[in-house]
Amino acid sequence: KMKFNEKVYKLCKKIPKGKVSTYKLVAEALNTKAYRAVGQALNKNHYAPIVPCHRIIASNGHLHGFASGLKNKKLLLEKEGIKIKNSKVLDFEKVLFRF
């Protein structure tokens, strides 16, 4: 049986470059409302960049929590073509990946 964290990582690996998803969408794909647990799993992600946890953002389009800092998260996303202004992803709906 796959552990919760492993399920979170498996889902994150499906998010293509240039797309983002949210803690809520990941949790919903796992049939749970444990959004915070998703965040905690990503915080313990030892498989970056294979598991691209930087592509998970808050449901309001804002960058949120990243083990190596939001500045790094912003740089990683921008490198993949995501535009960010004031810690918020521009064209959020266009770059949103749904499972």
PDB file of N, CA and C in Angstrom:
ATOM      1  N   LYS A   1       0.852  -1.201   0.000  1.00  0.00           N
ATOM      2  CA  LYS A   1       0.000   0.000   0.000  1.00  0.00           C
ATOM      3  C   LYS A   1       0.888   1.252   0.000  1.00  0.00           C
ATOM      4  N   MET A   2       0.588   2.158  -0.895  1.00  0.00           N
ATOM      5  CA  MET A   2       1.388   3.377  -1.008  1.00  0.00           C
ATOM      6  C   MET A   2       1.068   4.353   0.127  1.00  0.00           C
ATOM      7  N   LYS A   3       2.103   4.913   0.692  1.00  0.00           N
ATOM      8  CA  LYS A   3       1.916   5.898   1.757  1.00  0.00           C
ATOM      9  C   LYS A   3       1.381   7.206   1.171  1.00  0.00           C
ATOM     10  N   PHE A   4       0.755   8.004   2.026  1.00  0.00           N
ATOM     11  CA  PHE A   4       0.163   9.277   1.611  1.00  0.00           C
ATOM     12  C   PHE A   4       1.176  10.152   0.869  1.00  0.00           C
ATOM     13  N   ASN A   5       2.361  10.343   1.475  1.00  0.00           N
ATOM     14  CA  ASN A   5       3.370  11.205   0.846  1.00  0.00           C
ATOM     15  C   ASN A   5       3.732  10.719  -0.555  1.00  0.00           C
ATOM     16  N   GLU A   6       3.862   9.405  -0.711  1.00  0.00           N
ATOM     17  CA  GLU A   6       4.214   8.847  -2.017  1.00  0.00           C
ATOM     18  C   GLU A   6       3.118   9.115  -3.051  1.00  0.00           C
ATOM     19  N   LYS A   7       1.861   9.062  -2.610  1.00  0.00           N
ATOM     20  CA  LYS A   7       0.736   9.358  -3.505  1.00  0.00           C
ATOM     21  C   LYS A   7       0.789  10.816  -3.953  1.00  0.00           C
ATOM     22  N   VAL A   8       1.130  11.708  -3.010  1.00  0.00           N
ATOM     23  CA  VAL A   8       1.258  13.136  -3.321  1.00  0.00           C
ATOM     24  C   VAL A   8       2.360  13.330  -4.363  1.00  0.00           C
ATOM     25  N   TYR A   9       3.508  12.680  -4.159  1.00  0.00           N
ATOM     26  CA  TYR A   9       4.641  12.820  -5.086  1.00  0.00           C
ATOM     27  C   TYR A   9       4.292  12.286  -6.474  1.00  0.00           C
ATOM     28  N   LYS A  10       3.579  11.165  -6.506  1.00  0.00           N
ATOM     29  CA  LYS A  10       3.190  10.556  -7.780  1.00  0.00           C
ATOM     30  C   LYS A  10       2.315  11.518  -8.580  1.00  0.00           C
ATOM     31  N   LEU A  11       1.382  12.177  -7.898  1.00  0.00           N
ATOM     32  CA  LEU A  11       0.513  13.150  -8.570  1.00  0.00           C
ATOM     33  C   LEU A  11       1.325  14.352  -9.064  1.00  0.00           C
ATOM     34  N   CYS A  12       2.212  14.844  -8.235  1.00  0.00           N
ATOM     35  CA  CYS A  12       3.018  16.021  -8.604  1.00  0.00           C
ATOM     36  C   CYS A  12       3.835  15.772  -9.858  1.00  0.00           C
ATOM     37  N   LYS A  13       4.287  14.538 -10.023  1.00  0.00           N
ATOM     38  CA  LYS A  13       5.097  14.205 -11.196  1.00  0.00           C
ATOM     39  C   LYS A  13       4.309  14.325 -12.492  1.00  0.00           C
ATOM     40  N   LYS A  14       2.980  14.339 -12.399  1.00  0.00           N
ATOM     41  CA  LYS A  14       2.136  14.448 -13.601  1.00  0.00           C
ATOM     42  C   LYS A  14       2.010  15.887 -14.094  1.00  0.00           C
ATOM     43  N   ILE A  15       2.381  16.849 -13.258  1.00  0.00           N
ATOM     44  CA  ILE A  15       2.230  18.253 -13.644  1.00  0.00           C
ATOM     45  C   ILE A  15       3.350  18.625 -14.613  1.00  0.00           C
ATOM     46  N   PRO A  16       2.987  18.987 -15.840  1.00  0.00           N
ATOM     47  CA  PRO A  16       4.029  19.313 -16.825  1.00  0.00           C
ATOM     48  C   PRO A  16       4.692  20.664 -16.575  1.00  0.00           C
ATOM     49  N   LYS A  17       5.879  20.806 -17.157  1.00  0.00           N
ATOM     50  CA  LYS A  17       6.593  22.091 -17.116  1.00  0.00           C
ATOM     51  C   LYS A  17       5.689  23.179 -17.647  1.00  0.00           C
ATOM     52  N   GLY A  18       5.732  24.349 -17.016  1.00  0.00           N
ATOM     53  CA  GLY A  18       4.914  25.459 -17.495  1.00  0.00           C
ATOM     54  C   GLY A  18       3.493  25.435 -16.961  1.00  0.00           C
ATOM     55  N   LYS A  19       3.206  24.479 -16.065  1.00  0.00           N
ATOM     56  CA  LYS A  19       1.882  24.398 -15.436  1.00  0.00           C
ATOM     57  C   LYS A  19       2.048  24.394 -13.927  1.00  0.00           C
ATOM     58  N   VAL A  20       0.982  24.762 -13.228  1.00  0.00           N
ATOM     59  CA  VAL A  20       0.975  24.703 -11.765  1.00  0.00           C
ATOM     60  C   VAL A  20      -0.314  24.019 -11.330  1.00  0.00           C
ATOM     61  N   SER A  21      -0.330  23.542 -10.105  1.00  0.00           N
ATOM     62  CA  SER A  21      -1.558  23.022  -9.534  1.00  0.00           C
ATOM     63  C   SER A  21      -1.619  23.516  -8.091  1.00  0.00           C
ATOM     64  N   THR A  22      -2.671  23.141  -7.375  1.00  0.00           N
ATOM     65  CA  THR A  22      -2.836  23.654  -6.016  1.00  0.00           C
ATOM     66  C   THR A  22      -2.864  22.524  -4.992  1.00  0.00           C
ATOM     67  N   TYR A  23      -2.587  22.890  -3.737  1.00  0.00           N
ATOM     68  CA  TYR A  23      -2.638  21.924  -2.633  1.00  0.00           C
ATOM     69  C   TYR A  23      -4.025  21.273  -2.609  1.00  0.00           C
ATOM     70  N   LYS A  24      -5.054  22.102  -2.822  1.00  0.00           N
ATOM     71  CA  LYS A  24      -6.436  21.625  -2.774  1.00  0.00           C
ATOM     72  C   LYS A  24      -6.715  20.596  -3.874  1.00  0.00           C
ATOM     73  N   LEU A  25      -6.264  20.884  -5.102  1.00  0.00           N
ATOM     74  CA  LEU A  25      -6.497  19.952  -6.208  1.00  0.00           C
ATOM     75  C   LEU A  25      -5.776  18.626  -5.987  1.00  0.00           C
ATOM     76  N   VAL A  26      -4.577  18.696  -5.423  1.00  0.00           N
ATOM     77  CA  VAL A  26      -3.837  17.460  -5.115  1.00  0.00           C
ATOM     78  C   VAL A  26      -4.615  16.650  -4.078  1.00  0.00           C
ATOM     79  N   ALA A  27      -5.058  17.321  -3.014  1.00  0.00           N
ATOM     80  CA  ALA A  27      -5.816  16.645  -1.959  1.00  0.00           C
ATOM     81  C   ALA A  27      -7.100  16.034  -2.520  1.00  0.00           C
ATOM     82  N   GLU A  28      -7.824  16.799  -3.336  1.00  0.00           N
ATOM     83  CA  GLU A  28      -9.070  16.296  -3.911  1.00  0.00           C
ATOM     84  C   GLU A  28      -8.831  15.089  -4.808  1.00  0.00           C
ATOM     85  N   ALA A  29      -7.716  15.091  -5.540  1.00  0.00           N
ATOM     86  CA  ALA A  29      -7.380  13.949  -6.397  1.00  0.00           C
ATOM     87  C   ALA A  29      -7.120  12.700  -5.555  1.00  0.00           C
ATOM     88  N   LEU A  30      -6.762  12.904  -4.287  1.00  0.00           N
ATOM     89  CA  LEU A  30      -6.519  11.782  -3.366  1.00  0.00           C
ATOM     90  C   LEU A  30      -7.749  11.503  -2.493  1.00  0.00           C
ATOM     91  N   ASN A  31      -8.872  12.124  -2.851  1.00  0.00           N
ATOM     92  CA  ASN A  31     -10.120  11.961  -2.093  1.00  0.00           C
ATOM     93  C   ASN A  31      -9.991  12.310  -0.619  1.00  0.00           C
ATOM     94  N   THR A  32      -9.334  13.435  -0.356  1.00  0.00           N
ATOM     95  CA  THR A  32      -9.184  13.884   1.026  1.00  0.00           C
ATOM     96  C   THR A  32      -9.308  15.400   1.081  1.00  0.00           C
ATOM     97  N   LYS A  33      -9.539  15.904   2.270  1.00  0.00           N
ATOM     98  CA  LYS A  33      -9.563  17.359   2.458  1.00  0.00           C
ATOM     99  C   LYS A  33      -8.311  17.793   3.229  1.00  0.00           C
ATOM    100  N   ALA A  34      -7.336  16.901   3.287  1.00  0.00           N
ATOM    101  CA  ALA A  34      -6.110  17.163   4.057  1.00  0.00           C
ATOM    102  C   ALA A  34      -5.120  18.016   3.263  1.00  0.00           C
ATOM    103  N   TYR A  35      -5.546  19.248   2.982  1.00  0.00           N
ATOM    104  CA  TYR A  35      -4.694  20.158   2.188  1.00  0.00           C
ATOM    105  C   TYR A  35      -3.371  20.429   2.883  1.00  0.00           C
ATOM    106  N   ARG A  36      -3.432  20.585   4.198  1.00  0.00           N
ATOM    107  CA  ARG A  36      -2.210  20.862   4.957  1.00  0.00           C
ATOM    108  C   ARG A  36      -1.253  19.677   4.927  1.00  0.00           C
ATOM    109  N   ALA A  37      -1.824  18.481   4.961  1.00  0.00           N
ATOM    110  CA  ALA A  37      -0.995  17.268   4.904  1.00  0.00           C
ATOM    111  C   ALA A  37      -0.262  17.190   3.558  1.00  0.00           C
ATOM    112  N   VAL A  38      -0.932  17.663   2.499  1.00  0.00           N
ATOM    113  CA  VAL A  38      -0.288  17.715   1.181  1.00  0.00           C
ATOM    114  C   VAL A  38       0.916  18.650   1.265  1.00  0.00           C
ATOM    115  N   GLY A  39       0.715  19.813   1.887  1.00  0.00           N
ATOM    116  CA  GLY A  39       1.808  20.772   2.064  1.00  0.00           C
ATOM    117  C   GLY A  39       2.954  20.191   2.874  1.00  0.00           C
ATOM    118  N   GLN A  40       2.616  19.450   3.926  1.00  0.00           N
ATOM    119  CA  GLN A  40       3.651  18.837   4.765  1.00  0.00           C
ATOM    120  C   GLN A  40       4.416  17.767   3.998  1.00  0.00           C
ATOM    121  N   ALA A  41       3.710  17.009   3.185  1.00  0.00           N
ATOM    122  CA  ALA A  41       4.364  15.983   2.359  1.00  0.00           C
ATOM    123  C   ALA A  41       5.348  16.650   1.402  1.00  0.00           C
ATOM    124  N   LEU A  42       4.922  17.749   0.785  1.00  0.00           N
ATOM    125  CA  LEU A  42       5.781  18.443  -0.173  1.00  0.00           C
ATOM    126  C   LEU A  42       6.974  19.083   0.519  1.00  0.00           C
ATOM    127  N   ASN A  43       6.772  19.510   1.755  1.00  0.00           N
ATOM    128  CA  ASN A  43       7.861  20.102   2.514  1.00  0.00           C
ATOM    129  C   ASN A  43       8.952  19.061   2.785  1.00  0.00           C
ATOM    130  N   LYS A  44       8.564  17.793   2.847  1.00  0.00           N
ATOM    131  CA  LYS A  44       9.514  16.709   3.107  1.00  0.00           C
ATOM    132  C   LYS A  44       9.979  16.034   1.818  1.00  0.00           C
ATOM    133  N   ASN A  45       9.661  16.625   0.689  1.00  0.00           N
ATOM    134  CA  ASN A  45      10.014  16.050  -0.611  1.00  0.00           C
ATOM    135  C   ASN A  45      11.530  15.996  -0.793  1.00  0.00           C
ATOM    136  N   HIS A  46      12.068  14.779  -0.774  1.00  0.00           N
ATOM    137  CA  HIS A  46      13.517  14.609  -0.973  1.00  0.00           C
ATOM    138  C   HIS A  46      13.832  14.257  -2.417  1.00  0.00           C
ATOM    139  N   TYR A  47      12.797  14.279  -3.263  1.00  0.00           N
ATOM    140  CA  TYR A  47      12.973  13.842  -4.646  1.00  0.00           C
ATOM    141  C   TYR A  47      12.996  14.991  -5.659  1.00  0.00           C
ATOM    142  N   ALA A  48      13.060  16.217  -5.165  1.00  0.00           N
ATOM    143  CA  ALA A  48      13.131  17.345  -6.099  1.00  0.00           C
ATOM    144  C   ALA A  48      14.437  17.238  -6.883  1.00  0.00           C
ATOM    145  N   PRO A  49      14.474  17.598  -8.142  1.00  0.00           N
ATOM    146  CA  PRO A  49      13.373  18.120  -8.954  1.00  0.00           C
ATOM    147  C   PRO A  49      12.554  17.047  -9.672  1.00  0.00           C
ATOM    148  N   ILE A  50      12.842  15.757  -9.401  1.00  0.00           N
ATOM    149  CA  ILE A  50      12.061  14.682 -10.031  1.00  0.00           C
ATOM    150  C   ILE A  50      10.588  14.850  -9.659  1.00  0.00           C
ATOM    151  N   VAL A  51      10.330  15.167  -8.391  1.00  0.00           N
ATOM    152  CA  VAL A  51       8.984  15.525  -7.950  1.00  0.00           C
ATOM    153  C   VAL A  51       8.958  17.051  -7.886  1.00  0.00           C
ATOM    154  N   PRO A  52       8.336  17.686  -8.869  1.00  0.00           N
ATOM    155  CA  PRO A  52       8.388  19.153  -8.981  1.00  0.00           C
ATOM    156  C   PRO A  52       7.420  19.873  -8.031  1.00  0.00           C
ATOM    157  N   CYS A  53       7.730  19.816  -6.744  1.00  0.00           N
ATOM    158  CA  CYS A  53       6.825  20.396  -5.744  1.00  0.00           C
ATOM    159  C   CYS A  53       6.707  21.913  -5.876  1.00  0.00           C
ATOM    160  N   HIS A  54       7.664  22.533  -6.591  1.00  0.00           N
ATOM    161  CA  HIS A  54       7.574  23.986  -6.789  1.00  0.00           C
ATOM    162  C   HIS A  54       6.365  24.367  -7.644  1.00  0.00           C
ATOM    163  N   ARG A  55       5.779  23.387  -8.315  1.00  0.00           N
ATOM    164  CA  ARG A  55       4.613  23.671  -9.171  1.00  0.00           C
ATOM    165  C   ARG A  55       3.299  23.668  -8.407  1.00  0.00           C
ATOM    166  N   ILE A  56       3.349  23.449  -7.099  1.00  0.00           N
ATOM    167  CA  ILE A  56       2.128  23.461  -6.288  1.00  0.00           C
ATOM    168  C   ILE A  56       2.024  24.823  -5.599  1.00  0.00           C
ATOM    169  N   ILE A  57       0.894  25.500  -5.822  1.00  0.00           N
ATOM    170  CA  ILE A  57       0.701  26.832  -5.244  1.00  0.00           C
ATOM    171  C   ILE A  57      -0.654  26.888  -4.536  1.00  0.00           C
ATOM    172  N   ALA A  58      -0.933  28.005  -3.903  1.00  0.00           N
ATOM    173  CA  ALA A  58      -2.203  28.182  -3.199  1.00  0.00           C
ATOM    174  C   ALA A  58      -3.350  28.331  -4.210  1.00  0.00           C
ATOM    175  N   SER A  59      -4.555  27.998  -3.771  1.00  0.00           N
ATOM    176  CA  SER A  59      -5.735  28.053  -4.651  1.00  0.00           C
ATOM    177  C   SER A  59      -6.054  29.448  -5.165  1.00  0.00           C
ATOM    178  N   ASN A  60      -5.539  30.465  -4.485  1.00  0.00           N
ATOM    179  CA  ASN A  60      -5.784  31.848  -4.928  1.00  0.00           C
ATOM    180  C   ASN A  60      -4.715  32.320  -5.918  1.00  0.00           C
ATOM    181  N   GLY A  61      -3.833  31.401  -6.324  1.00  0.00           N
ATOM    182  CA  GLY A  61      -2.810  31.759  -7.304  1.00  0.00           C
ATOM    183  C   GLY A  61      -1.531  32.297  -6.703  1.00  0.00           C
ATOM    184  N   HIS A  62      -1.490  32.411  -5.377  1.00  0.00           N
ATOM    185  CA  HIS A  62      -0.290  32.931  -4.726  1.00  0.00           C
ATOM    186  C   HIS A  62       0.726  31.831  -4.460  1.00  0.00           C
ATOM    187  N   LEU A  63       1.996  32.215  -4.527  1.00  0.00           N
ATOM    188  CA  LEU A  63       3.056  31.276  -4.165  1.00  0.00           C
ATOM    189  C   LEU A  63       2.940  31.068  -2.666  1.00  0.00           C
ATOM    190  N   HIS A  64       3.173  29.844  -2.245  1.00  0.00           N
ATOM    191  CA  HIS A  64       2.995  29.531  -0.839  1.00  0.00           C
ATOM    192  C   HIS A  64       4.002  28.481  -0.440  1.00  0.00           C
ATOM    193  N   GLY A  65       4.554  28.622   0.743  1.00  0.00           N
ATOM    194  CA  GLY A  65       5.464  27.643   1.335  1.00  0.00           C
ATOM    195  C   GLY A  65       6.371  26.893   0.390  1.00  0.00           C
ATOM    196  N   PHE A  66       7.643  26.975   0.612  1.00  0.00           N
ATOM    197  CA  PHE A  66       8.608  26.207  -0.165  1.00  0.00           C
ATOM    198  C   PHE A  66       9.821  26.009   0.720  1.00  0.00           C
ATOM    199  N   ALA A  67      10.235  24.754   0.872  1.00  0.00           N
ATOM    200  CA  ALA A  67      11.324  24.421   1.801  1.00  0.00           C
ATOM    201  C   ALA A  67      12.570  25.277   1.579  1.00  0.00           C
ATOM    202  N   SER A  68      12.907  25.558   0.311  1.00  0.00           N
ATOM    203  CA  SER A  68      14.117  26.359   0.088  1.00  0.00           C
ATOM    204  C   SER A  68      13.805  27.826  -0.202  1.00  0.00           C
ATOM    205  N   GLY A  69      12.628  28.271   0.210  1.00  0.00           N
ATOM    206  CA  GLY A  69      12.302  29.693   0.109  1.00  0.00           C
ATOM    207  C   GLY A  69      11.472  30.065  -1.107  1.00  0.00           C
ATOM    208  N   LEU A  70      10.607  31.056  -0.916  1.00  0.00           N
ATOM    209  CA  LEU A  70       9.712  31.490  -1.996  1.00  0.00           C
ATOM    210  C   LEU A  70      10.467  32.105  -3.175  1.00  0.00           C
ATOM    211  N   LYS A  71      11.599  32.718  -2.883  1.00  0.00           N
ATOM    212  CA  LYS A  71      12.399  33.328  -3.945  1.00  0.00           C
ATOM    213  C   LYS A  71      12.836  32.237  -4.935  1.00  0.00           C
ATOM    214  N   ASN A  72      13.263  31.108  -4.375  1.00  0.00           N
ATOM    215  CA  ASN A  72      13.662  29.970  -5.206  1.00  0.00           C
ATOM    216  C   ASN A  72      12.487  29.409  -5.986  1.00  0.00           C
ATOM    217  N   LYS A  73      11.345  29.309  -5.322  1.00  0.00           N
ATOM    218  CA  LYS A  73      10.137  28.791  -5.974  1.00  0.00           C
ATOM    219  C   LYS A  73       9.798  29.664  -7.174  1.00  0.00           C
ATOM    220  N   LYS A  74       9.855  30.977  -6.980  1.00  0.00           N
ATOM    221  CA  LYS A  74       9.566  31.943  -8.041  1.00  0.00           C
ATOM    222  C   LYS A  74      10.540  31.749  -9.212  1.00  0.00           C
ATOM    223  N   LEU A  75      11.826  31.623  -8.909  1.00  0.00           N
ATOM    224  CA  LEU A  75      12.843  31.446  -9.956  1.00  0.00           C
ATOM    225  C   LEU A  75      12.611  30.165 -10.749  1.00  0.00           C
ATOM    226  N   LEU A  76      12.315  29.075 -10.047  1.00  0.00           N
ATOM    227  CA  LEU A  76      12.065  27.791 -10.721  1.00  0.00           C
ATOM    228  C   LEU A  76      10.860  27.886 -11.654  1.00  0.00           C
ATOM    229  N   LEU A  77       9.788  28.523 -11.185  1.00  0.00           N
ATOM    230  CA  LEU A  77       8.582  28.659 -12.001  1.00  0.00           C
ATOM    231  C   LEU A  77       8.824  29.567 -13.203  1.00  0.00           C
ATOM    232  N   GLU A  78       9.523  30.675 -12.970  1.00  0.00           N
ATOM    233  CA  GLU A  78       9.800  31.614 -14.070  1.00  0.00           C
ATOM    234  C   GLU A  78      10.666  30.950 -15.137  1.00  0.00           C
ATOM    235  N   LYS A  79      11.585  30.101 -14.703  1.00  0.00           N
ATOM    236  CA  LYS A  79      12.452  29.370 -15.634  1.00  0.00           C
ATOM    237  C   LYS A  79      11.608  28.468 -16.545  1.00  0.00           C
ATOM    238  N   GLU A  80      10.453  28.045 -16.038  1.00  0.00           N
ATOM    239  CA  GLU A  80       9.555  27.176 -16.810  1.00  0.00           C
ATOM    240  C   GLU A  80       8.522  27.980 -17.595  1.00  0.00           C
ATOM    241  N   GLY A  81       8.649  29.304 -17.568  1.00  0.00           N
ATOM    242  CA  GLY A  81       7.769  30.147 -18.374  1.00  0.00           C
ATOM    243  C   GLY A  81       6.541  30.681 -17.662  1.00  0.00           C
ATOM    244  N   ILE A  82       6.456  30.481 -16.342  1.00  0.00           N
ATOM    245  CA  ILE A  82       5.310  30.992 -15.591  1.00  0.00           C
ATOM    246  C   ILE A  82       5.598  32.434 -15.181  1.00  0.00           C
ATOM    247  N   LYS A  83       4.651  33.297 -15.462  1.00  0.00           N
ATOM    248  CA  LYS A  83       4.821  34.713 -15.113  1.00  0.00           C
ATOM    249  C   LYS A  83       4.256  34.975 -13.721  1.00  0.00           C
ATOM    250  N   ILE A  84       5.052  35.674 -12.912  1.00  0.00           N
ATOM    251  CA  ILE A  84       4.671  35.934 -11.519  1.00  0.00           C
ATOM    252  C   ILE A  84       4.860  37.410 -11.214  1.00  0.00           C
ATOM    253  N   LYS A  85       3.857  37.964 -10.553  1.00  0.00           N
ATOM    254  CA  LYS A  85       3.955  39.367 -10.132  1.00  0.00           C
ATOM    255  C   LYS A  85       3.429  39.471  -8.710  1.00  0.00           C
ATOM    256  N   ASN A  86       4.194  40.120  -7.839  1.00  0.00           N
ATOM    257  CA  ASN A  86       3.819  40.245  -6.425  1.00  0.00           C
ATOM    258  C   ASN A  86       3.444  38.889  -5.808  1.00  0.00           C
ATOM    259  N   SER A  87       4.276  37.882  -6.055  1.00  0.00           N
ATOM    260  CA  SER A  87       4.071  36.523  -5.518  1.00  0.00           C
ATOM    261  C   SER A  87       2.779  35.856  -5.987  1.00  0.00           C
ATOM    262  N   LYS A  88       2.225  36.356  -7.088  1.00  0.00           N
ATOM    263  CA  LYS A  88       0.990  35.758  -7.615  1.00  0.00           C
ATOM    264  C   LYS A  88       1.222  35.344  -9.067  1.00  0.00           C
ATOM    265  N   VAL A  89       0.731  34.140  -9.405  1.00  0.00           N
ATOM    266  CA  VAL A  89       0.869  33.634 -10.767  1.00  0.00           C
ATOM    267  C   VAL A  89      -0.117  34.371 -11.675  1.00  0.00           C
ATOM    268  N   LEU A  90       0.416  34.950 -12.762  1.00  0.00           N
ATOM    269  CA  LEU A  90      -0.436  35.635 -13.734  1.00  0.00           C
ATOM    270  C   LEU A  90      -1.039  34.573 -14.658  1.00  0.00           C
ATOM    271  N   ASP A  91      -2.185  34.853 -15.243  1.00  0.00           N
ATOM    272  CA  ASP A  91      -2.875  33.886 -16.116  1.00  0.00           C
ATOM    273  C   ASP A  91      -3.082  32.557 -15.385  1.00  0.00           C
ATOM    274  N   PHE A  92      -3.430  32.636 -14.103  1.00  0.00           N
ATOM    275  CA  PHE A  92      -3.567  31.455 -13.240  1.00  0.00           C
ATOM    276  C   PHE A  92      -4.418  30.360 -13.877  1.00  0.00           C
ATOM    277  N   GLU A  93      -5.605  30.718 -14.384  1.00  0.00           N
ATOM    278  CA  GLU A  93      -6.495  29.708 -14.973  1.00  0.00           C
ATOM    279  C   GLU A  93      -5.868  29.038 -16.201  1.00  0.00           C
ATOM    280  N   LYS A  94      -5.092  29.805 -16.961  1.00  0.00           N
ATOM    281  CA  LYS A  94      -4.470  29.268 -18.180  1.00  0.00           C
ATOM    282  C   LYS A  94      -3.380  28.253 -17.865  1.00  0.00           C
ATOM    283  N   VAL A  95      -2.674  28.442 -16.774  1.00  0.00           N
ATOM    284  CA  VAL A  95      -1.553  27.547 -16.447  1.00  0.00           C
ATOM    285  C   VAL A  95      -1.912  26.515 -15.383  1.00  0.00           C
ATOM    286  N   LEU A  96      -3.179  26.508 -14.971  1.00  0.00           N
ATOM    287  CA  LEU A  96      -3.611  25.567 -13.940  1.00  0.00           C
ATOM    288  C   LEU A  96      -3.780  24.159 -14.502  1.00  0.00           C
ATOM    289  N   PHE A  97      -3.132  23.200 -13.842  1.00  0.00           N
ATOM    290  CA  PHE A  97      -3.233  21.796 -14.238  1.00  0.00           C
ATOM    291  C   PHE A  97      -4.199  21.092 -13.301  1.00  0.00           C
ATOM    292  N   ARG A  98      -5.199  20.438 -13.878  1.00  0.00           N
ATOM    293  CA  ARG A  98      -6.167  19.683 -13.079  1.00  0.00           C
ATOM    294  C   ARG A  98      -5.947  18.196 -13.294  1.00  0.00           C
ATOM    295  N   PHE A  99      -6.075  17.430 -12.245  1.00  0.00           N
ATOM    296  CA  PHE A  99      -5.821  15.977 -12.322  1.00  0.00           C
ATOM    297  C   PHE A  99      -7.029  15.229 -12.880  1.00  0.00           C
TER     298      PHE A  99
END
